């Protein structure tokens, strides 16, 4: 938090720098044509217009009076920054101090200059008083774009270094968002449950990284003026997409009910703003951001009404971002406010992740408790007593069958013991447990239980003992058919994005008692599915005319 405050203070200091303390620059005047006398400070330019106009492929001149103040540069050298389209030569009091590109000459094409260039003013010409800046220029490219010429005066070192310092701080934040984008993208692709809010956050962070990179790439790379608008086009597109993604993220995280309608309306509104104001790049970006902010405030305001977690903190962040935009210079406020908004998104995501982790841990605890209860249920006193009573009868009447009974009971306990600490077990072992249990229950109840399965893939795994639990419910709540049998049929099917187990209990259904909540068996099954597959599953159980149908669907 302290680092963030320091970062904001530094940006505020940069934004408050006033270069006019070194000099005052009068509004420049323009004239088409080419005359070397126009570089002289003695030339009378009172009739020159203050608005630029030109004829394609014709030379033009710019003149401006610069008044050096009392507090001149005490260390280093005075610098002149020129922001203009074209290739040009710069004169200070009639003396040429530099050039940008190469002016179009007879038989030689123009070599475009950059849109922003710094020149060092000789110390002998940097004294107190009035001075004349004259610029001789050509604009062979974008010749219909009469962009004004902007002049800035200040210490040469500051003119060079200050943009680099500001860019370095913003690029550090850009690097943070790049790391966040990669990190959350890996979380998305490796999660059992694909949460698209995580993907949207990752993409937003990456686009914001690109936005900051493209905005300040001009500090590190000389961009010819005829390619100047390419960068602004990219910035406009990035801003458009970000302005769409941020409200979309909030609508998902705050469970906004009509998010599709909202996003469709927002997309059309942003597209209208982009189309109507095309070519007015800063104005377009500003309107896009305002629209994004209003949509976000509407979504978060609704979330506050419904008392969604984190909504008040996010609203505070949105209001602070608006205050910063109001108080600070646009180029700084835009990125600071975006940083705050994305930090609010990150805060909201941490809340969601915390809740998801809490649910996962609760599912694990419930699964462990139910697993213990399941084992207890199979060794509880009345089960042991009834089983041993049946075993005694079988040993007395048919010792050979009694031995088979003992072996089946022992096998069932061995399998249950092996599965007790497993999350997923091979489907073949689960089927083996079901068959052994049916053998035990056949001795106990003297009912002919039959098992069959189809389409089983031996490579598949299922949560431990869930089919065994469904089987027990079928035994408990079913009566044998007239021929004295109960048949269990397990079918496995696999689709493009799911796999499904269907267990049919073919028997006479017992009369239903008063409806109650899910029993321990169903709770165990659902907890096991949640533990292994998150929310990517469904469970259903319904009565049929002759028996019962239970379906478990696992989504891929």
Protein backbone atom coordinates (compact mmCIF):
# COMPACT_ATOMS: atom_id res chain seq x y z
CA UNK A 1 0.00 0.00 0.00
CA UNK A 2 2.87 2.38 0.84
CA UNK A 3 4.50 1.66 -2.52
CA UNK A 4 1.24 2.45 -4.30
CA UNK A 5 0.98 5.79 -2.49
CA UNK A 6 4.59 6.61 -3.38
CA UNK A 7 3.89 5.75 -7.00
CA UNK A 8 0.85 8.06 -7.06
CA UNK A 9 2.82 10.92 -5.46
CA UNK A 10 5.55 10.57 -8.09
CA UNK A 11 3.02 10.65 -10.90
CA UNK A 12 1.36 13.69 -9.36
CA UNK A 13 4.72 15.44 -9.23
CA UNK A 14 5.31 14.69 -12.89
CA UNK A 15 1.89 15.89 -13.90
CA UNK A 16 2.35 19.18 -12.05
CA UNK A 17 5.62 20.07 -13.78
CA UNK A 18 5.26 23.42 -15.52
CA UNK A 19 7.77 24.11 -18.23
CA UNK A 20 6.65 27.71 -18.69
CA UNK A 21 8.74 28.75 -15.68
CA UNK A 22 11.76 28.74 -18.02
CA UNK A 23 10.10 30.55 -20.91
CA UNK A 24 6.85 31.82 -22.35
CA UNK A 25 6.02 30.69 -25.89
CA UNK A 26 3.62 32.82 -27.91
CA UNK A 27 1.17 31.22 -30.32
CA UNK A 28 2.97 30.31 -33.54
CA UNK A 29 2.06 31.77 -36.92
CA UNK A 30 2.20 29.97 -40.28
CA UNK A 31 2.92 30.79 -43.89
CA UNK A 32 3.00 28.64 -47.04
CA UNK A 33 5.98 29.00 -49.32
CA UNK A 34 9.74 29.09 -48.86
CA UNK A 35 11.90 32.12 -48.18
CA UNK A 36 15.13 31.94 -46.18
CA UNK A 37 14.56 35.47 -44.88
CA UNK A 38 11.68 34.13 -42.81
CA UNK A 39 14.26 32.63 -40.44
CA UNK A 40 15.46 36.11 -39.42
CA UNK A 41 14.20 37.51 -36.11
CA UNK A 42 13.91 40.94 -37.80
CA UNK A 43 11.37 39.79 -40.33
CA UNK A 44 7.85 41.21 -39.82
CA UNK A 45 5.32 38.37 -39.61
CA UNK A 46 2.35 40.34 -38.30
CA UNK A 47 0.23 39.39 -41.31
CA UNK A 48 0.88 35.65 -40.94
CA UNK A 49 -2.21 33.61 -39.91
CA UNK A 50 -2.33 31.78 -36.59
CA UNK A 51 -4.06 28.80 -38.15
CA UNK A 52 -2.17 26.50 -40.41
CA UNK A 53 -3.17 26.04 -44.05
CA UNK A 54 -1.10 24.66 -46.86
CA UNK A 55 -1.02 23.36 -50.41
CA UNK A 56 -0.09 19.68 -50.80
CA UNK A 57 3.61 19.12 -51.50
CA UNK A 58 4.41 22.80 -50.79
CA UNK A 59 6.88 24.11 -48.20
CA UNK A 60 5.63 26.03 -45.20
CA UNK A 61 7.18 28.02 -42.34
CA UNK A 62 6.33 28.42 -38.68
CA UNK A 63 7.46 31.33 -36.49
CA UNK A 64 7.01 31.83 -32.74
CA UNK A 65 8.39 34.28 -30.19
CA UNK A 66 9.97 32.78 -27.08
CA UNK A 67 10.51 34.94 -24.00
CA UNK A 68 13.19 33.64 -21.61
CA UNK A 69 12.29 34.36 -17.95
CA UNK A 70 14.53 35.53 -15.10
CA UNK A 71 14.90 32.02 -13.70
CA UNK A 72 16.86 30.65 -16.62
CA UNK A 73 18.54 27.27 -16.66
CA UNK A 74 21.39 27.34 -14.17
CA UNK A 75 22.69 23.84 -14.85
CA UNK A 76 22.88 22.07 -18.18
CA UNK A 77 21.56 23.54 -21.41
CA UNK A 78 18.29 24.98 -22.63
CA UNK A 79 16.22 22.67 -24.79
CA UNK A 80 13.47 23.14 -27.37
CA UNK A 81 10.88 20.43 -28.00
CA UNK A 82 8.97 20.53 -31.28
CA UNK A 83 5.82 18.48 -31.85
CA UNK A 84 4.89 18.69 -35.52
CA UNK A 85 4.13 16.68 -38.63
CA UNK A 86 6.62 16.75 -41.47
CA UNK A 87 10.33 17.00 -42.08
CA UNK A 88 11.75 20.29 -40.91
CA UNK A 89 14.73 22.46 -40.02
CA UNK A 90 14.74 24.52 -36.82
CA UNK A 91 16.24 28.02 -36.49
CA UNK A 92 16.81 29.90 -33.25
CA UNK A 93 17.32 33.65 -33.78
CA UNK A 94 18.18 32.89 -37.38
CA UNK A 95 20.73 30.19 -36.58
CA UNK A 96 20.01 26.61 -37.55
CA UNK A 97 20.11 24.36 -34.45
CA UNK A 98 18.93 21.06 -35.92
CA UNK A 99 16.66 19.16 -38.26
CA UNK A 100 14.17 16.33 -38.17
CA UNK A 101 14.08 14.08 -41.25
CA UNK A 102 14.94 15.56 -44.63
CA UNK A 103 12.87 18.23 -46.35
CA UNK A 104 11.55 17.45 -49.80
CA UNK A 105 13.89 19.01 -52.35
CA UNK A 106 13.86 19.13 -56.13
CA UNK A 107 14.44 15.59 -57.30
CA UNK A 108 14.73 14.21 -53.76
CA UNK A 109 11.77 12.74 -51.85
CA UNK A 110 11.02 13.74 -48.29
CA UNK A 111 12.39 11.58 -45.50
CA UNK A 112 9.68 11.78 -42.79
CA UNK A 113 10.72 13.03 -39.39
CA UNK A 114 9.29 12.00 -36.04
CA UNK A 115 6.30 13.75 -34.54
CA UNK A 116 8.27 14.88 -31.48
CA UNK A 117 11.91 16.02 -31.40
CA UNK A 118 14.16 17.79 -28.89
CA UNK A 119 16.90 20.26 -29.83
CA UNK A 120 19.62 21.79 -27.70
CA UNK A 121 19.80 25.60 -27.79
CA UNK A 122 23.40 26.97 -27.86
CA UNK A 123 24.28 28.69 -24.59
CA UNK A 124 25.27 31.82 -26.51
CA UNK A 125 21.71 32.15 -27.78
CA UNK A 126 19.89 31.21 -24.56
CA UNK A 127 20.08 34.57 -22.77
CA UNK A 128 17.24 36.39 -21.06
CA UNK A 129 14.75 38.19 -23.32
CA UNK A 130 12.85 37.55 -26.51
CA UNK A 131 14.00 35.04 -29.10
CA UNK A 132 12.53 33.78 -32.36
CA UNK A 133 11.97 30.15 -33.27
CA UNK A 134 11.51 29.57 -37.01
CA UNK A 135 10.76 26.21 -38.60
CA UNK A 136 11.12 25.44 -42.31
CA UNK A 137 9.09 22.34 -43.11
CA UNK A 138 7.58 20.10 -45.73
CA UNK A 139 4.76 17.59 -45.27
CA UNK A 140 4.66 15.22 -48.23
CA UNK A 141 2.66 12.62 -46.27
CA UNK A 142 -0.70 13.27 -44.61
CA UNK A 143 -0.62 16.60 -46.45
CA UNK A 144 -4.29 17.31 -45.76
CA UNK A 145 -3.78 17.02 -41.99
CA UNK A 146 -3.06 20.58 -40.84
CA UNK A 147 -1.89 19.59 -37.40
CA UNK A 148 -0.69 22.61 -35.32
CA UNK A 149 2.92 22.92 -34.22
CA UNK A 150 3.54 22.78 -30.46
CA UNK A 151 6.70 24.17 -28.85
CA UNK A 152 8.01 23.53 -25.33
CA UNK A 153 11.01 25.13 -23.61
CA UNK A 154 12.92 23.67 -20.66
CA UNK A 155 16.20 22.13 -19.53
CA UNK A 156 17.40 19.85 -22.32
CA UNK A 157 18.13 17.02 -19.88
CA UNK A 158 14.61 17.23 -18.48
CA UNK A 159 13.00 17.21 -21.90
CA UNK A 160 14.87 13.99 -22.66
CA UNK A 161 14.72 12.26 -19.28
CA UNK A 162 11.27 13.14 -17.90
CA UNK A 163 9.31 11.08 -20.47
CA UNK A 164 11.67 8.16 -19.85
CA UNK A 165 11.16 8.38 -16.07
CA UNK A 166 7.37 8.51 -16.38
CA UNK A 167 7.41 5.68 -18.92
CA UNK A 168 9.64 3.57 -16.66
CA UNK A 169 7.17 3.80 -13.76
CA UNK A 170 4.19 2.99 -15.96
CA UNK A 171 6.07 0.17 -17.64
CA UNK A 172 6.76 -1.35 -14.23
CA UNK A 173 3.01 -1.50 -13.62
CA UNK A 174 2.60 -2.85 -17.16
CA UNK A 175 5.01 -5.65 -16.28
CA UNK A 176 2.96 -6.49 -13.20
CA UNK A 177 -0.17 -6.80 -15.33
CA UNK A 178 1.66 -8.97 -17.85
CA UNK A 179 2.66 -11.37 -15.06
CA UNK A 180 -0.91 -11.31 -13.71
CA UNK A 181 -2.28 -12.03 -17.19
CA UNK A 182 -0.01 -15.05 -17.67
CA UNK A 183 -0.60 -16.32 -14.12
CA UNK A 184 -4.39 -16.21 -14.31
CA UNK A 185 -4.38 -17.65 -17.82
CA UNK A 186 -2.48 -20.68 -16.48
CA UNK A 187 -5.00 -20.89 -13.61
CA UNK A 188 -7.85 -20.89 -16.15
CA UNK A 189 -6.47 -23.62 -18.43
CA UNK A 190 -5.44 -25.85 -15.51
CA UNK A 191 -8.60 -25.53 -13.43
CA UNK A 192 -11.06 -28.37 -13.15
CA UNK A 193 -13.84 -25.82 -13.53
CA UNK A 194 -13.29 -23.27 -16.29
CA UNK A 195 -14.34 -19.95 -14.74
CA UNK A 196 -14.64 -17.47 -17.61
CA UNK A 197 -14.37 -14.53 -15.20
CA UNK A 198 -10.76 -15.64 -14.65
CA UNK A 199 -10.16 -15.69 -18.41
CA UNK A 200 -11.72 -12.24 -18.81
CA UNK A 201 -9.52 -10.89 -16.02
CA UNK A 202 -6.44 -12.43 -17.65
CA UNK A 203 -7.29 -10.94 -21.04
CA UNK A 204 -8.03 -7.54 -19.47
CA UNK A 205 -4.66 -7.50 -17.72
CA UNK A 206 -2.90 -8.44 -20.97
CA UNK A 207 -4.74 -5.76 -22.95
CA UNK A 208 -3.92 -3.18 -20.28
CA UNK A 209 -0.28 -4.22 -20.52
CA UNK A 210 -0.44 -3.69 -24.30
CA UNK A 211 -2.23 -0.37 -23.83
CA UNK A 212 0.52 1.02 -21.60
CA UNK A 213 3.19 -0.41 -23.86
CA UNK A 214 1.71 1.14 -27.00
CA UNK A 215 1.07 4.47 -25.27
CA UNK A 216 4.71 4.94 -24.23
CA UNK A 217 6.49 3.10 -27.03
CA UNK A 218 6.97 6.52 -28.65
CA UNK A 219 9.50 7.30 -25.90
CA UNK A 220 11.76 4.44 -26.95
CA UNK A 221 11.13 4.17 -30.70
CA UNK A 222 11.28 6.94 -33.30
CA UNK A 223 7.97 6.71 -35.12
CA UNK A 224 7.81 8.61 -38.46
CA UNK A 225 5.03 11.14 -38.46
CA UNK A 226 3.16 9.47 -41.33
CA UNK A 227 2.76 6.40 -39.04
CA UNK A 228 1.69 8.52 -36.08
CA UNK A 229 -1.99 7.50 -36.21
CA UNK A 230 -1.27 3.79 -36.28
CA UNK A 231 -0.40 3.89 -32.61
CA UNK A 232 -3.54 5.89 -31.82
CA UNK A 233 -5.66 3.43 -33.78
CA UNK A 234 -4.26 0.55 -31.72
CA UNK A 235 -4.85 2.50 -28.49
CA UNK A 236 -8.47 3.14 -29.53
CA UNK A 237 -9.12 -0.54 -30.28
CA UNK A 238 -7.51 -1.67 -27.01
CA UNK A 239 -9.52 0.89 -25.05
CA UNK A 240 -12.71 -0.26 -26.80
CA UNK A 241 -12.15 -3.92 -25.85
CA UNK A 242 -11.14 -3.08 -22.26
CA UNK A 243 -14.21 -0.87 -21.89
CA UNK A 244 -16.30 -3.90 -22.85
CA UNK A 245 -14.46 -6.50 -20.75
CA UNK A 246 -14.42 -4.69 -17.40
CA UNK A 247 -18.23 -4.36 -17.06
CA UNK A 248 -18.56 -7.92 -18.35
CA UNK A 249 -16.24 -9.13 -15.57
CA UNK A 250 -18.24 -7.25 -12.93
CA UNK A 251 -21.53 -8.61 -14.30
CA UNK A 252 -20.24 -12.19 -13.93
CA UNK A 253 -18.69 -11.74 -10.50
CA UNK A 254 -21.72 -9.94 -9.09
CA UNK A 255 -24.22 -12.35 -10.76
CA UNK A 256 -25.94 -9.61 -12.75
CA UNK A 257 -29.20 -11.13 -13.96
CA UNK A 258 -29.43 -9.68 -17.47
CA UNK A 259 -25.78 -9.58 -18.37
CA UNK A 260 -26.30 -10.63 -22.01
CA UNK A 261 -28.72 -7.79 -22.66
CA UNK A 262 -26.43 -5.37 -20.85
CA UNK A 263 -23.35 -6.45 -22.79
CA UNK A 264 -25.19 -6.26 -26.11
CA UNK A 265 -26.39 -2.73 -25.34
CA UNK A 266 -22.95 -1.71 -24.10
CA UNK A 267 -21.28 -3.11 -27.22
CA UNK A 268 -23.62 -1.16 -29.50
CA UNK A 269 -23.12 2.02 -27.47
CA UNK A 270 -19.33 1.71 -27.50
CA UNK A 271 -19.39 0.95 -31.23
CA UNK A 272 -21.50 4.06 -31.84
CA UNK A 273 -19.11 6.22 -29.82
CA UNK A 274 -16.12 4.78 -31.68
CA UNK A 275 -17.74 5.32 -35.09
CA UNK A 276 -19.11 8.82 -34.49
CA UNK A 277 -15.87 10.14 -33.00
CA UNK A 278 -13.52 8.25 -35.30
CA UNK A 279 -10.40 10.31 -35.88
CA UNK A 280 -10.73 12.21 -32.58
CA UNK A 281 -8.56 9.75 -30.74
CA UNK A 282 -8.23 11.26 -27.25
CA UNK A 283 -11.89 12.26 -27.22
CA UNK A 284 -12.94 8.77 -28.33
CA UNK A 285 -10.86 7.11 -25.62
CA UNK A 286 -12.29 9.49 -23.04
CA UNK A 287 -15.91 8.77 -24.05
CA UNK A 288 -15.23 5.01 -24.10
CA UNK A 289 -13.81 5.16 -20.58
CA UNK A 290 -16.72 7.25 -19.30
CA UNK A 291 -19.21 4.76 -20.77
CA UNK A 292 -17.30 1.86 -19.22
CA UNK A 293 -17.29 3.67 -15.85
CA UNK A 294 -21.04 4.37 -15.94
CA UNK A 295 -21.82 0.75 -16.86
CA UNK A 296 -19.55 -0.52 -14.10
CA UNK A 297 -21.11 1.80 -11.53
CA UNK A 298 -24.58 0.57 -12.55
CA UNK A 299 -23.57 -3.07 -12.13
CA UNK A 300 -21.76 -2.50 -8.83
CA UNK A 301 -24.62 -0.32 -7.55
CA UNK A 302 -27.03 -3.20 -8.23
CA UNK A 303 -24.61 -5.54 -6.43
CA UNK A 304 -24.61 -3.23 -3.40
CA UNK A 305 -28.41 -3.30 -3.39
CA UNK A 306 -28.35 -7.11 -3.30
CA UNK A 307 -25.50 -7.07 -0.74
CA UNK A 308 -22.95 -8.89 -2.87
CA UNK A 309 -19.56 -9.45 -1.26
CA UNK A 310 -16.91 -6.86 -2.14
CA UNK A 311 -19.34 -4.55 -3.95
CA UNK A 312 -18.77 -1.59 -1.61
CA UNK A 313 -14.98 -1.78 -1.96
CA UNK A 314 -15.28 -1.91 -5.75
CA UNK A 315 -17.64 1.08 -5.73
CA UNK A 316 -15.15 3.03 -3.63
CA UNK A 317 -12.44 2.20 -6.17
CA UNK A 318 -14.64 3.39 -9.06
CA UNK A 319 -15.38 6.68 -7.29
CA UNK A 320 -11.68 7.25 -6.54
CA UNK A 321 -10.81 6.60 -10.17
CA UNK A 322 -13.37 9.23 -11.23
CA UNK A 323 -11.88 11.72 -8.78
CA UNK A 324 -8.39 11.12 -10.15
CA UNK A 325 -9.61 11.67 -13.73
CA UNK A 326 -11.18 14.96 -12.61
CA UNK A 327 -8.11 16.25 -10.77
CA UNK A 328 -5.16 15.10 -12.87
CA UNK A 329 -3.82 15.54 -16.38
CA UNK A 330 -5.58 13.15 -18.79
CA UNK A 331 -2.56 11.06 -19.88
CA UNK A 332 -1.72 10.27 -16.25
CA UNK A 333 -5.24 10.04 -14.85
CA UNK A 334 -6.32 7.57 -17.52
CA UNK A 335 -3.70 5.00 -16.56
CA UNK A 336 -3.90 5.60 -12.81
CA UNK A 337 -7.70 5.16 -12.90
CA UNK A 338 -7.34 2.02 -15.02
CA UNK A 339 -4.85 0.66 -12.49
CA UNK A 340 -7.31 1.26 -9.65
CA UNK A 341 -10.18 -0.37 -11.54
CA UNK A 342 -8.14 -3.46 -12.38
CA UNK A 343 -6.93 -3.67 -8.77
CA UNK A 344 -10.61 -3.69 -7.77
CA UNK A 345 -11.14 -6.55 -10.22
CA UNK A 346 -8.21 -8.38 -8.63
CA UNK A 347 -9.64 -7.80 -5.15
CA UNK A 348 -12.99 -9.14 -6.29
CA UNK A 349 -11.33 -12.21 -7.77
CA UNK A 350 -9.50 -12.91 -4.50
CA UNK A 351 -12.85 -12.87 -2.68
CA UNK A 352 -14.28 -15.33 -5.20
CA UNK A 353 -11.20 -17.54 -4.93
CA UNK A 354 -11.43 -17.49 -1.14
CA UNK A 355 -15.08 -18.55 -1.25
CA UNK A 356 -14.29 -21.30 -3.76
CA UNK A 357 -11.46 -22.57 -1.57
CA UNK A 358 -13.76 -22.53 1.46
CA UNK A 359 -16.39 -24.54 -0.45
CA UNK A 360 -13.74 -27.00 -1.61
CA UNK A 361 -12.43 -27.50 1.91
CA UNK A 362 -15.96 -27.94 3.21
CA UNK A 363 -16.56 -30.56 0.54
CA UNK A 364 -13.39 -32.38 1.58
CA UNK A 365 -14.42 -32.35 5.24
CA UNK A 366 -17.93 -33.52 4.36
CA UNK A 367 -16.51 -36.25 2.16
CA UNK A 368 -14.21 -37.44 4.94
CA UNK A 369 -17.05 -37.45 7.45
CA UNK A 370 -19.42 -39.28 5.13
CA UNK A 371 -16.71 -41.78 4.19
CA UNK A 372 -16.25 -42.58 7.86
CA UNK A 373 -20.00 -42.89 8.33
CA UNK A 374 -20.17 -45.17 5.31
CA UNK A 375 -17.59 -47.49 6.85
CA UNK A 376 -19.38 -47.33 10.19
CA UNK A 377 -22.63 -48.21 8.47
CA UNK A 378 -21.10 -51.38 7.09
CA UNK A 379 -19.73 -52.47 10.45
CA UNK A 380 -22.47 -51.15 12.72
CA UNK A 381 -23.75 -53.62 15.35
CA UNK A 382 -27.08 -54.57 13.74
CA UNK A 383 -25.40 -55.17 10.35
CA UNK A 384 -22.75 -57.37 11.99
CA UNK A 385 -25.38 -59.11 14.13
CA UNK A 386 -27.72 -59.85 11.20
CA UNK A 387 -24.84 -60.96 9.01
CA UNK A 388 -23.37 -63.25 11.69
CA UNK A 389 -26.82 -64.71 12.41
CA UNK A 390 -27.22 -65.52 8.72
CA UNK A 391 -23.68 -66.87 8.65
CA UNK A 392 -24.37 -69.25 11.58
CA UNK A 393 -27.46 -70.57 9.84
CA UNK A 394 -25.56 -71.17 6.62
CA UNK A 395 -22.63 -72.87 8.39
CA UNK A 396 -25.04 -75.20 10.21
CA UNK A 397 -27.14 -76.01 7.16
CA UNK A 398 -24.48 -75.95 4.43
CA UNK A 399 -20.88 -75.63 5.60
CA UNK A 400 -19.59 -75.28 2.02
CA UNK A 401 -21.93 -72.36 1.30
CA UNK A 402 -21.04 -70.91 4.69
CA UNK A 403 -17.39 -70.80 3.64
CA UNK A 404 -18.39 -68.99 0.43
CA UNK A 405 -20.40 -66.53 2.55
CA UNK A 406 -17.40 -65.89 4.82
CA UNK A 407 -15.10 -65.35 1.83
CA UNK A 408 -17.52 -62.91 0.22
CA UNK A 409 -17.91 -60.95 3.47
CA UNK A 410 -14.15 -60.83 3.96
CA UNK A 411 -13.64 -59.68 0.37
CA UNK A 412 -16.15 -56.87 0.77
CA UNK A 413 -14.44 -55.56 3.91
CA UNK A 414 -11.04 -55.77 2.19
CA UNK A 415 -12.27 -53.75 -0.78
CA UNK A 416 -13.97 -51.15 1.42
CA UNK A 417 -10.80 -50.83 3.47
CA UNK A 418 -8.72 -50.31 0.32
CA UNK A 419 -11.09 -47.62 -0.97
CA UNK A 420 -11.48 -45.76 2.29
CA UNK A 421 -8.58 -43.38 1.64
CA UNK A 422 -8.91 -43.18 -2.16
CA UNK A 423 -10.61 -40.33 -4.04
CA UNK A 424 -10.95 -42.08 -7.39
CA UNK A 425 -10.82 -45.84 -7.98
CA UNK A 426 -10.83 -47.91 -11.19
CA UNK A 427 -14.35 -48.67 -12.37
CA UNK A 428 -13.54 -52.41 -12.44
CA UNK A 429 -12.74 -52.39 -8.72
CA UNK A 430 -15.98 -50.51 -8.02
CA UNK A 431 -17.94 -53.12 -10.00
CA UNK A 432 -16.15 -55.92 -8.14
CA UNK A 433 -17.22 -54.36 -4.83
CA UNK A 434 -20.83 -54.23 -6.04
CA UNK A 435 -20.79 -57.87 -7.12
CA UNK A 436 -19.27 -59.01 -3.81
CA UNK A 437 -21.86 -57.01 -1.86
CA UNK A 438 -24.67 -58.61 -3.85
CA UNK A 439 -23.24 -62.04 -3.04
CA UNK A 440 -23.21 -61.17 0.68
CA UNK A 441 -26.78 -59.81 0.57
CA UNK A 442 -27.94 -62.86 -1.37
CA UNK A 443 -26.84 -65.06 1.53
CA UNK A 444 -28.44 -62.69 4.06
CA UNK A 445 -31.82 -62.06 2.39
CA UNK A 446 -32.02 -65.21 0.28
CA UNK A 447 -32.99 -63.13 -2.72
CA UNK A 448 -31.46 -63.77 -6.13
CA UNK A 449 -29.52 -60.63 -7.02
CA UNK A 450 -28.22 -60.32 -10.58
CA UNK A 451 -25.66 -57.89 -11.99
CA UNK A 452 -24.89 -56.93 -15.58
CA UNK A 453 -23.02 -54.04 -17.19
CA UNK A 454 -22.39 -52.73 -20.69
CA UNK A 455 -20.08 -50.22 -22.40
CA UNK A 456 -17.67 -50.15 -19.43
CA UNK A 457 -14.26 -48.61 -20.17
CA UNK A 458 -11.69 -50.23 -17.84
CA UNK A 459 -9.54 -47.08 -18.03
CA UNK A 460 -12.22 -44.97 -16.38
CA UNK A 461 -12.18 -44.06 -12.69
CA UNK A 462 -15.04 -43.07 -10.41
CA UNK A 463 -15.26 -41.68 -6.86
CA UNK A 464 -14.85 -44.48 -4.35
CA UNK A 465 -17.99 -46.43 -3.35
CA UNK A 466 -20.59 -44.26 -5.11
CA UNK A 467 -22.00 -47.16 -7.18
CA UNK A 468 -21.87 -49.32 -4.05
CA UNK A 469 -23.97 -46.68 -2.27
CA UNK A 470 -26.53 -46.56 -5.09
CA UNK A 471 -26.65 -50.37 -5.00
CA UNK A 472 -27.40 -50.37 -1.27
CA UNK A 473 -30.28 -47.91 -1.81
CA UNK A 474 -31.66 -50.21 -4.50
CA UNK A 475 -31.48 -53.22 -2.17
CA UNK A 476 -33.08 -51.34 0.72
CA UNK A 477 -35.96 -49.71 -1.21
CA UNK A 478 -36.85 -52.52 -3.61
CA UNK A 479 -38.80 -55.79 -3.40
CA UNK A 480 -37.99 -58.79 -5.58
CA UNK A 481 -39.90 -59.53 -8.74
CA UNK A 482 -42.38 -62.45 -8.77
CA UNK A 483 -39.55 -64.79 -9.76
CA UNK A 484 -37.68 -63.81 -6.56
CA UNK A 485 -34.95 -61.76 -8.26
CA UNK A 486 -33.68 -58.17 -8.34
CA UNK A 487 -31.57 -57.19 -11.32
CA UNK A 488 -29.04 -54.35 -11.49
CA UNK A 489 -27.95 -53.06 -14.93
CA UNK A 490 -25.05 -50.56 -15.23
CA UNK A 491 -24.62 -48.73 -18.55
CA UNK A 492 -21.77 -46.39 -19.51
CA UNK A 493 -22.00 -43.87 -22.35
CA UNK A 494 -19.58 -41.19 -23.44
CA UNK A 495 -20.33 -38.11 -25.54
CA UNK A 496 -18.29 -35.27 -26.90
CA UNK A 497 -18.34 -33.28 -23.68
CA UNK A 498 -19.63 -35.70 -21.06
CA UNK A 499 -19.56 -39.24 -19.72
CA UNK A 500 -22.52 -40.89 -18.03
CA UNK A 501 -23.22 -43.84 -15.74
CA UNK A 502 -26.79 -45.12 -15.52
CA UNK A 503 -27.71 -47.79 -12.97
CA UNK A 504 -31.12 -49.44 -13.40
CA UNK A 505 -32.66 -51.36 -10.49
CA UNK A 506 -35.20 -53.76 -11.99
CA UNK A 507 -37.53 -54.72 -9.12
CA UNK A 508 -40.78 -53.88 -7.37
CA UNK A 509 -40.61 -50.51 -5.62
CA UNK A 510 -41.54 -50.36 -1.97
CA UNK A 511 -44.23 -47.90 -0.95
CA UNK A 512 -42.71 -44.44 -0.46
CA UNK A 513 -42.68 -43.08 3.05
CA UNK A 514 -42.99 -39.41 3.94
CA UNK A 515 -40.62 -37.32 1.81
CA UNK A 516 -37.48 -36.39 3.63
CA UNK A 517 -34.26 -34.66 2.77
CA UNK A 518 -31.50 -36.56 1.00
CA UNK A 519 -30.26 -39.45 3.08
CA UNK A 520 -26.68 -40.12 4.06
CA UNK A 521 -26.13 -42.20 0.90
CA UNK A 522 -27.07 -39.41 -1.52
CA UNK A 523 -25.17 -36.85 0.55
CA UNK A 524 -22.10 -39.04 0.32
CA UNK A 525 -22.46 -39.41 -3.47
CA UNK A 526 -22.84 -35.65 -4.02
CA UNK A 527 -19.94 -34.82 -1.70
CA UNK A 528 -17.71 -37.34 -3.53
CA UNK A 529 -18.66 -35.87 -6.92
CA UNK A 530 -18.02 -32.33 -5.69
CA UNK A 531 -14.65 -33.39 -4.31
CA UNK A 532 -13.53 -34.92 -7.60
CA UNK A 533 -15.22 -32.79 -10.28
CA UNK A 534 -16.16 -29.45 -8.71
CA UNK A 535 -19.47 -28.36 -10.25
CA UNK A 536 -18.94 -30.27 -13.51
CA UNK A 537 -21.45 -33.03 -12.76
CA UNK A 538 -25.12 -33.78 -12.30
CA UNK A 539 -26.91 -36.46 -10.28
CA UNK A 540 -30.44 -37.70 -10.76
CA UNK A 541 -32.61 -40.48 -9.37
CA UNK A 542 -36.14 -41.31 -10.42
CA UNK A 543 -38.69 -44.10 -10.04
CA UNK A 544 -39.68 -46.24 -13.01
CA UNK A 545 -42.67 -48.54 -13.48
CA UNK A 546 -40.55 -51.53 -12.56
CA UNK A 547 -37.69 -50.28 -10.47
CA UNK A 548 -35.47 -47.27 -10.22
CA UNK A 549 -33.10 -45.31 -12.44
CA UNK A 550 -30.06 -43.43 -11.12
CA UNK A 551 -27.88 -41.29 -13.43
CA UNK A 552 -24.50 -39.71 -12.83
CA UNK A 553 -23.25 -37.35 -15.55
CA UNK A 554 -19.69 -35.99 -15.50
CA UNK A 555 -18.99 -33.04 -17.83
CA UNK A 556 -15.64 -32.85 -19.57
